[in-house]
Amino acid sequence: MKERIYTIPVSEAFEEDTECPMCILERRIENDAINYTLGPSMMEPDRRIETNKKGFCNHHFTKLYNTQENRLPLGLIIDTHLMEQNGILRSMYEKALPGLKKEAETGAIEKLTKGFKSKDQSAVFVQSMLNKLNELEKSCTICEKINFNMDKFTDVILYLFFKEPEFKKRFASKKGFCLPHLKMLLDGSMKYLNRKQRSEFVMTLMSMELIHLDRIKEEVNWFTKKFDYRNQDAPWKNSRDAIPRSIEKICGPCELNR
């Protein structure tokens, strides 16, 4: 297969003996993003503006902290992120405060008036606050970077599938994909392939996926049967690590203690 700089990570991932080559790609992107966040991005104003605005999800805040490296940069990121977000929340509250005070003072009187209803100031404020907090909870600069790059890698995989016979053969020989990356490939087929290509790709993808979903299901099943005294002398086959592999098959990249 002709190697190009943008195909090398994909080729390397598909050479691994794994339940999902795309999980390897995602882990590499995530690790690079974490190292970058705690390193060079500190000196880039555009990146600091982005982290101040979006912050990180629970998962990636945890991973950034658990590296136990470069804690000063993480502290500086959190400091300016809180500075910006605290200011926004305070501004929203102070803007709504006069209306809230008025509503609290006149609410009882308005109940006595016939058919007159003023604007529900507290409901408007609470809804705007909920919208802001939901937006902040769902935003994460690392997740965005992962999603952006995984979409590009999906495009590369589909390109190589039809342009490089060797890669197509290698693709079909793999053990399928985790369900989140199966979804990503199917979604990519809708975005990047025509009808003819999509039909061919989907048949290859789903036939291998279902075979290997059945395989891992049988491995988990045999794992459970090994705890029956009647099977205590039977070989484990390939089931010793079936539980973590099955979880990763279902959920994608996981932080499991093995």
Protein backbone atom coordinates (compact mmCIF):
# COMPACT_ATOMS: atom_id res chain seq x y z
CA MET A 1 0.00 0.00 0.00
CA LYS A 2 1.32 3.46 -0.88
CA GLU A 3 1.96 5.28 2.38
CA ARG A 4 1.10 8.96 2.73
CA ILE A 5 1.50 11.01 5.88
CA TYR A 6 -2.24 11.05 6.55
CA THR A 7 -2.62 7.28 5.98
CA ILE A 8 0.26 6.14 8.21
CA PRO A 9 -1.67 6.26 11.54
CA VAL A 10 -4.56 4.35 9.96
CA SER A 11 -2.26 1.74 8.45
CA GLU A 12 -0.47 1.24 11.76
CA ALA A 13 -3.74 0.86 13.69
CA PHE A 14 -5.03 -1.74 11.23
CA GLU A 15 -1.86 -3.78 11.65
CA GLU A 16 -2.66 -4.34 15.34
CA ASP A 17 -4.41 -7.44 16.63
CA THR A 18 -7.29 -5.67 18.36
CA GLU A 19 -11.06 -5.73 18.80
CA CYS A 20 -11.26 -2.28 17.20
CA PRO A 21 -8.51 -0.52 15.20
CA MET A 22 -10.33 2.77 15.55
CA CYS A 23 -10.05 2.60 19.34
CA ILE A 24 -6.27 2.67 18.87
CA LEU A 25 -6.58 5.80 16.75
CA GLU A 26 -8.88 7.47 19.29
CA ARG A 27 -6.59 6.70 22.22
CA ARG A 28 -3.61 8.18 20.37
CA ILE A 29 -5.55 11.34 19.54
CA GLU A 30 -6.73 11.65 23.13
CA ASN A 31 -3.25 11.15 24.60
CA ASP A 32 -1.77 13.69 22.18
CA ALA A 33 -4.52 16.18 23.06
CA ILE A 34 -3.93 15.78 26.81
CA ASN A 35 -0.17 16.23 26.44
CA TYR A 36 -0.71 19.23 24.18
CA THR A 37 -3.19 20.81 26.61
CA LEU A 38 -0.72 20.57 29.50
CA GLY A 39 2.19 21.68 27.32
CA PRO A 40 2.44 23.83 24.19
CA SER A 41 -1.17 25.08 24.23
CA MET A 42 -0.39 27.13 27.35
CA MET A 43 1.55 29.56 25.16
CA GLU A 44 -1.08 29.84 22.45
CA PRO A 45 -3.64 32.61 23.07
CA ASP A 46 -6.21 31.10 20.70
CA ARG A 47 -6.17 27.83 22.62
CA ARG A 48 -6.51 29.60 25.98
CA ILE A 49 -9.51 31.52 24.64
CA GLU A 50 -11.05 28.19 23.62
CA THR A 51 -10.40 26.45 26.95
CA ASN A 52 -11.68 29.50 28.86
CA LYS A 53 -14.91 29.31 26.87
CA LYS A 54 -15.47 25.55 26.70
CA GLY A 55 -13.41 23.89 29.41
CA PHE A 56 -13.44 20.09 29.52
CA CYS A 57 -15.88 17.29 30.20
CA ASN A 58 -15.79 15.28 33.43
CA HIS A 59 -13.81 12.49 31.75
CA HIS A 60 -11.09 14.74 30.38
CA PHE A 61 -10.78 16.93 33.47
CA THR A 62 -10.17 13.66 35.33
CA LYS A 63 -7.55 12.49 32.84
CA LEU A 64 -5.79 15.86 32.84
CA TYR A 65 -5.57 15.80 36.63
CA ASN A 66 -4.65 12.11 36.91
CA THR A 67 -1.55 12.56 34.77
CA GLN A 68 -0.09 14.20 37.91
CA GLU A 69 2.24 16.10 35.58
CA ASN A 70 2.38 19.79 34.74
CA ARG A 71 -0.15 20.65 37.44
CA LEU A 72 0.70 24.34 37.26
CA PRO A 73 -0.51 24.62 33.63
CA LEU A 74 -3.71 22.80 34.61
CA GLY A 75 -4.18 25.20 37.50
CA LEU A 76 -3.70 28.19 35.20
CA ILE A 77 -6.20 26.77 32.71
CA ILE A 78 -8.79 26.24 35.45
CA ASP A 79 -8.10 29.70 36.91
CA THR A 80 -8.87 31.58 33.70
CA HIS A 81 -11.73 29.22 32.79
CA LEU A 82 -13.43 29.91 36.12
CA MET A 83 -12.71 33.63 35.80
CA GLU A 84 -14.59 33.75 32.50
CA GLN A 85 -17.45 31.44 33.44
CA ASN A 86 -17.98 32.95 36.89
CA GLY A 87 -18.21 36.36 35.24
CA ILE A 88 -20.82 35.12 32.77
CA LEU A 89 -22.97 33.51 35.48
CA ARG A 90 -22.72 36.58 37.71
CA SER A 91 -23.65 38.88 34.82
CA MET A 92 -26.69 36.74 33.97
CA TYR A 93 -27.88 36.80 37.58
CA GLU A 94 -27.29 40.52 38.11
CA LYS A 95 -29.19 41.32 34.90
CA ALA A 96 -32.17 39.27 36.07
CA LEU A 97 -32.03 40.35 39.73
CA PRO A 98 -34.28 43.47 39.50
CA GLY A 99 -37.01 41.44 37.83
CA LEU A 100 -36.65 38.63 40.37
CA LYS A 101 -36.95 41.10 43.26
CA LYS A 102 -39.99 42.71 41.73
CA GLU A 103 -41.59 39.34 41.11
CA ALA A 104 -40.93 38.23 44.69
CA GLU A 105 -42.54 41.43 46.04
CA THR A 106 -45.59 41.50 43.77
CA GLY A 107 -46.25 37.79 43.23
CA ALA A 108 -48.81 37.53 46.01
CA ILE A 109 -50.69 40.61 44.83
CA GLU A 110 -50.80 39.43 41.21
CA LYS A 111 -52.52 36.23 42.29
CA LEU A 112 -55.45 38.36 43.40
CA THR A 113 -55.80 40.25 40.14
CA LYS A 114 -58.27 38.83 37.65
CA GLY A 115 -56.82 37.49 34.43
CA PHE A 116 -53.62 39.52 34.63
CA LYS A 117 -50.33 37.68 34.27
CA SER A 118 -46.94 39.33 34.05
CA LYS A 119 -43.86 37.75 32.54
CA ASP A 120 -42.53 34.94 34.72
CA GLN A 121 -39.12 36.44 35.50
CA SER A 122 -37.87 33.54 37.63
CA ALA A 123 -38.80 30.96 34.97
CA VAL A 124 -37.04 32.99 32.27
CA PHE A 125 -33.90 33.32 34.40
CA VAL A 126 -33.85 29.66 35.45
CA GLN A 127 -34.29 28.49 31.85
CA SER A 128 -31.49 30.75 30.61
CA MET A 129 -29.25 29.48 33.40
CA LEU A 130 -30.12 25.86 32.58
CA ASN A 131 -29.33 26.48 28.91
CA LYS A 132 -25.95 27.96 29.84
CA LEU A 133 -25.07 25.16 32.26
CA ASN A 134 -26.15 22.47 29.79
CA GLU A 135 -24.00 24.09 27.11
CA LEU A 136 -21.02 24.22 29.46
CA GLU A 137 -21.53 20.63 30.63
CA LYS A 138 -21.53 19.33 27.06
CA SER A 139 -18.56 21.37 25.82
CA CYS A 140 -15.02 20.00 25.90
CA THR A 141 -12.06 21.14 23.82
CA ILE A 142 -10.48 17.67 23.92
CA CYS A 143 -13.70 15.90 22.88
CA GLU A 144 -14.03 18.33 19.98
CA LYS A 145 -10.47 17.62 18.86
CA ILE A 146 -11.05 13.86 19.08
CA ASN A 147 -14.31 14.07 17.14
CA PHE A 148 -12.76 16.28 14.45
CA ASN A 149 -9.76 14.00 13.92
CA MET A 150 -11.77 10.76 14.10
CA ASP A 151 -14.03 12.09 11.37
CA LYS A 152 -10.94 12.75 9.24
CA PHE A 153 -9.62 9.25 9.94
CA THR A 154 -13.00 7.79 8.99
CA ASP A 155 -12.73 9.58 5.67
CA VAL A 156 -9.20 8.15 5.21
CA ILE A 157 -10.39 4.60 6.02
CA LEU A 158 -13.15 4.82 3.44
CA TYR A 159 -10.76 6.30 0.90
CA LEU A 160 -8.22 3.50 1.41
CA PHE A 161 -10.93 0.85 1.32
CA PHE A 162 -11.69 1.71 -2.31
CA LYS A 163 -8.28 2.97 -3.48
CA GLU A 164 -5.89 0.41 -1.95
CA PRO A 165 -6.68 -3.30 -2.51
CA GLU A 166 -4.18 -4.32 0.17
CA PHE A 167 -5.90 -2.16 2.77
CA LYS A 168 -9.33 -3.44 1.73
CA LYS A 169 -8.13 -7.00 2.32
CA ARG A 170 -6.63 -6.04 5.67
CA PHE A 171 -9.83 -4.24 6.67
CA ALA A 172 -11.93 -7.34 5.99
CA SER A 173 -9.55 -9.50 8.04
CA LYS A 174 -9.98 -7.53 11.27
CA LYS A 175 -12.11 -8.45 14.28
CA GLY A 176 -14.69 -5.78 13.60
CA PHE A 177 -15.13 -2.60 15.61
CA CYS A 178 -16.58 -1.40 18.87
CA LEU A 179 -20.19 -0.26 18.55
CA PRO A 180 -19.43 3.49 18.77
CA HIS A 181 -16.89 3.19 15.95
CA LEU A 182 -19.21 0.95 13.95
CA LYS A 183 -21.68 3.82 14.18
CA MET A 184 -18.96 6.26 13.10
CA LEU A 185 -18.12 4.19 10.03
CA LEU A 186 -21.77 3.84 9.06
CA ASP A 187 -22.25 7.57 9.48
CA GLY A 188 -19.12 8.16 7.40
CA SER A 189 -20.48 5.96 4.63
CA MET A 190 -23.47 8.30 4.39
CA LYS A 191 -21.25 11.38 4.17
CA TYR A 192 -18.38 10.20 2.00
CA LEU A 193 -19.60 7.38 -0.28
CA ASN A 194 -21.97 7.15 -3.19
CA ARG A 195 -24.76 4.55 -3.22
CA LYS A 196 -22.76 1.86 -5.01
CA GLN A 197 -19.73 2.29 -2.77
CA ARG A 198 -21.87 2.46 0.35
CA SER A 199 -23.61 -0.83 -0.43
CA GLU A 200 -20.31 -2.62 -0.97
CA PHE A 201 -18.72 -1.14 2.13
CA VAL A 202 -21.71 -1.83 4.38
CA MET A 203 -21.88 -5.47 3.30
CA THR A 204 -18.20 -5.97 4.10
CA LEU A 205 -18.45 -4.07 7.37
CA MET A 206 -21.62 -5.69 8.73
CA SER A 207 -20.75 -9.24 7.77
CA MET A 208 -17.43 -9.07 9.67
CA GLU A 209 -18.99 -7.13 12.55
CA LEU A 210 -21.75 -9.65 13.18
CA ILE A 211 -19.32 -12.58 12.97
CA HIS A 212 -17.11 -11.04 15.64
CA LEU A 213 -19.96 -9.88 17.84
CA ASP A 214 -21.10 -13.50 17.91
CA ARG A 215 -17.52 -14.60 18.61
CA ILE A 216 -17.11 -12.35 21.61
CA LYS A 217 -20.56 -13.28 22.86
CA GLU A 218 -19.52 -16.93 22.82
CA GLU A 219 -16.26 -16.08 24.60
CA VAL A 220 -18.16 -14.31 27.37
CA ASN A 221 -20.61 -17.20 27.56
CA TRP A 222 -17.77 -19.70 27.94
CA PHE A 223 -16.19 -17.48 30.61
CA THR A 224 -19.38 -17.75 32.67
CA LYS A 225 -19.57 -21.52 32.13
CA LYS A 226 -16.04 -21.98 33.43
CA PHE A 227 -17.38 -21.18 36.91
CA ASP A 228 -19.53 -24.30 36.75
CA TYR A 229 -17.69 -27.07 38.63
CA ARG A 230 -18.39 -29.42 35.73
CA ASN A 231 -16.13 -27.28 33.51
CA GLN A 232 -13.34 -26.62 35.99
CA ASP A 233 -10.90 -28.84 34.11
CA ALA A 234 -11.93 -27.61 30.67
CA PRO A 235 -9.60 -25.16 28.87
CA TRP A 236 -10.33 -21.44 29.11
CA LYS A 237 -9.94 -21.10 25.34
CA ASN A 238 -9.92 -17.39 24.54
CA SER A 239 -12.20 -16.32 27.37
CA ARG A 240 -9.89 -15.26 30.21
CA ASP A 241 -10.07 -11.59 29.22
CA ALA A 242 -13.47 -11.79 27.53
CA ILE A 243 -15.13 -9.45 30.05
CA PRO A 244 -12.93 -6.36 29.45
CA ARG A 245 -12.81 -7.03 25.71
CA SER A 246 -16.59 -7.31 25.56
CA ILE A 247 -17.03 -4.05 27.49
CA GLU A 248 -14.69 -2.28 25.08
CA LYS A 249 -16.53 -3.87 22.16
CA ILE A 250 -19.77 -2.39 23.46
CA CYS A 251 -18.54 0.99 24.74
CA GLY A 252 -15.35 1.84 22.88
CA PRO A 253 -12.13 3.02 24.61
CA CYS A 254 -12.42 2.39 28.36
CA GLU A 255 -10.19 2.86 31.37
CA LEU A 256 -10.47 -0.68 32.76
CA ASN A 257 -8.24 -2.15 35.42
CA ARG A 258 -6.89 -5.40 34.05
